[in-house]
Amino acid sequence: MNAHPHFWRTVQQQKIDYVENGNGIITGYEIKWNPNAKLKPFSSFKETYSADVRLIHHQNFREFL
C-alpha cells in the first residue's frame, strides 16, 4: 500500500486525527484512549470522500500498526 498520511479539519472545527489515502481508498482514524469513546458523526467527511472512520485506542492500536 502506498499510503499518504494527513489530518482533516473543517472551518467549523470538525476534525479527524489521522487520514490515510492509499491506492484510492481513504480511511479516517480517531485516536482516543478510551475504547468506549463514542465517535462523533463524521457525515461530511464520509459523504465527501466515501470513506470509513475507525476508532484507534489503547487496546487495538497494535492492529493499526
C-alpha atoms as a PDB file:
ATOM      1  CA  MET A   1       0.000   0.000   0.000  1.00  0.00           C
ATOM      2  CA  ASN A   2       1.271   3.426  -0.895  1.00  0.00           C
ATOM      3  CA  ALA A   3      -0.285   5.485   1.929  1.00  0.00           C
ATOM      4  CA  HIS A   4      -0.149   9.248   2.293  1.00  0.00           C
ATOM      5  CA  PRO A   5      -0.980  10.367   5.871  1.00  0.00           C
ATOM      6  CA  HIS A   6      -2.937  13.558   6.615  1.00  0.00           C
ATOM      7  CA  PHE A   7      -5.309  15.041   9.155  1.00  0.00           C
ATOM      8  CA  TRP A   8      -8.659  16.627   8.343  1.00  0.00           C
ATOM      9  CA  ARG A   9     -10.338  19.714   9.835  1.00  0.00           C
ATOM     10  CA  THR A  10     -13.209  21.897   8.687  1.00  0.00           C
ATOM     11  CA  VAL A  11     -13.726  25.603   9.304  1.00  0.00           C
ATOM     12  CA  GLN A  12     -16.369  24.506  11.855  1.00  0.00           C
ATOM     13  CA  GLN A  13     -13.514  22.754  13.739  1.00  0.00           C
ATOM     14  CA  GLN A  14     -14.690  19.206  12.995  1.00  0.00           C
ATOM     15  CA  LYS A  15     -11.590  17.040  12.818  1.00  0.00           C
ATOM     16  CA  ILE A  16     -10.260  13.595  12.154  1.00  0.00           C
ATOM     17  CA  ASP A  17      -6.954  12.812  13.829  1.00  0.00           C
ATOM     18  CA  TYR A  18      -5.350  10.771  11.062  1.00  0.00           C
ATOM     19  CA  VAL A  19      -6.320  10.125   7.450  1.00  0.00           C
ATOM     20  CA  GLU A  20      -4.698   7.641   5.105  1.00  0.00           C
ATOM     21  CA  ASN A  21      -5.113   7.795   1.355  1.00  0.00           C
ATOM     22  CA  GLY A  22      -3.681   4.680  -0.212  1.00  0.00           C
ATOM     23  CA  ASN A  23      -4.487   3.028  -3.525  1.00  0.00           C
ATOM     24  CA  GLY A  24      -7.561   5.206  -3.933  1.00  0.00           C
ATOM     25  CA  ILE A  25      -9.020   4.187  -0.560  1.00  0.00           C
ATOM     26  CA  ILE A  26      -9.443   6.885   2.081  1.00  0.00           C
ATOM     27  CA  THR A  27      -9.760   5.901   5.747  1.00  0.00           C
ATOM     28  CA  GLY A  28     -10.082   8.240   8.720  1.00  0.00           C
ATOM     29  CA  TYR A  29      -8.929   7.334  12.222  1.00  0.00           C
ATOM     30  CA  GLU A  30      -9.925   8.898  15.517  1.00  0.00           C
ATOM     31  CA  ILE A  31      -7.355   8.222  18.236  1.00  0.00           C
ATOM     32  CA  LYS A  32      -8.711   8.003  21.778  1.00  0.00           C
ATOM     33  CA  TRP A  33      -7.507   6.389  24.994  1.00  0.00           C
ATOM     34  CA  ASN A  34     -10.939   5.080  25.967  1.00  0.00           C
ATOM     35  CA  PRO A  35     -12.072   2.077  23.897  1.00  0.00           C
ATOM     36  CA  ASN A  36     -15.686   3.011  24.706  1.00  0.00           C
ATOM     37  CA  ALA A  37     -15.337   6.522  23.313  1.00  0.00           C
ATOM     38  CA  LYS A  38     -18.160   7.473  21.009  1.00  0.00           C
ATOM     39  CA  LEU A  39     -17.266   8.528  17.508  1.00  0.00           C
ATOM     40  CA  LYS A  40     -18.809  11.835  16.547  1.00  0.00           C
ATOM     41  CA  PRO A  41     -20.901  11.793  13.401  1.00  0.00           C
ATOM     42  CA  PHE A  42     -18.441  12.398  10.600  1.00  0.00           C
ATOM     43  CA  SER A  43     -21.108  12.571   7.927  1.00  0.00           C
ATOM     44  CA  SER A  44     -19.484  15.395   5.967  1.00  0.00           C
ATOM     45  CA  PHE A  45     -16.164  13.523   5.816  1.00  0.00           C
ATOM     46  CA  LYS A  46     -17.841  10.214   4.922  1.00  0.00           C
ATOM     47  CA  GLU A  47     -20.045  11.765   2.243  1.00  0.00           C
ATOM     48  CA  THR A  48     -17.334  13.922   0.676  1.00  0.00           C
ATOM     49  CA  TYR A  49     -14.691  11.192   0.464  1.00  0.00           C
ATOM     50  CA  SER A  50     -16.785   7.991   0.560  1.00  0.00           C
ATOM     51  CA  ALA A  51     -14.562   6.997   3.459  1.00  0.00           C
ATOM     52  CA  ASP A  52     -14.783   4.939   6.612  1.00  0.00           C
ATOM     53  CA  VAL A  53     -13.832   6.282  10.069  1.00  0.00           C
ATOM     54  CA  ARG A  54     -12.341   3.920  12.644  1.00  0.00           C
ATOM     55  CA  LEU A  55     -11.529   4.269  16.322  1.00  0.00           C
ATOM     56  CA  ILE A  56      -7.981   3.535  17.476  1.00  0.00           C
ATOM     57  CA  HIS A  57      -7.489   3.108  21.234  1.00  0.00           C
ATOM     58  CA  HIS A  58      -5.000   1.589  23.672  1.00  0.00           C
ATOM     59  CA  GLN A  59      -6.463  -1.913  23.275  1.00  0.00           C
ATOM     60  CA  ASN A  60      -6.410  -2.121  19.465  1.00  0.00           C
ATOM     61  CA  PHE A  61      -3.558   0.144  18.350  1.00  0.00           C
ATOM     62  CA  ARG A  62      -1.303  -2.835  17.542  1.00  0.00           C
ATOM     63  CA  GLU A  63      -3.744  -3.892  14.810  1.00  0.00           C
ATOM     64  CA  PHE A  64      -3.372  -0.428  13.299  1.00  0.00           C
ATOM     65  CA  LEU A  65       0.420  -0.538  13.356  1.00  0.00           C
END
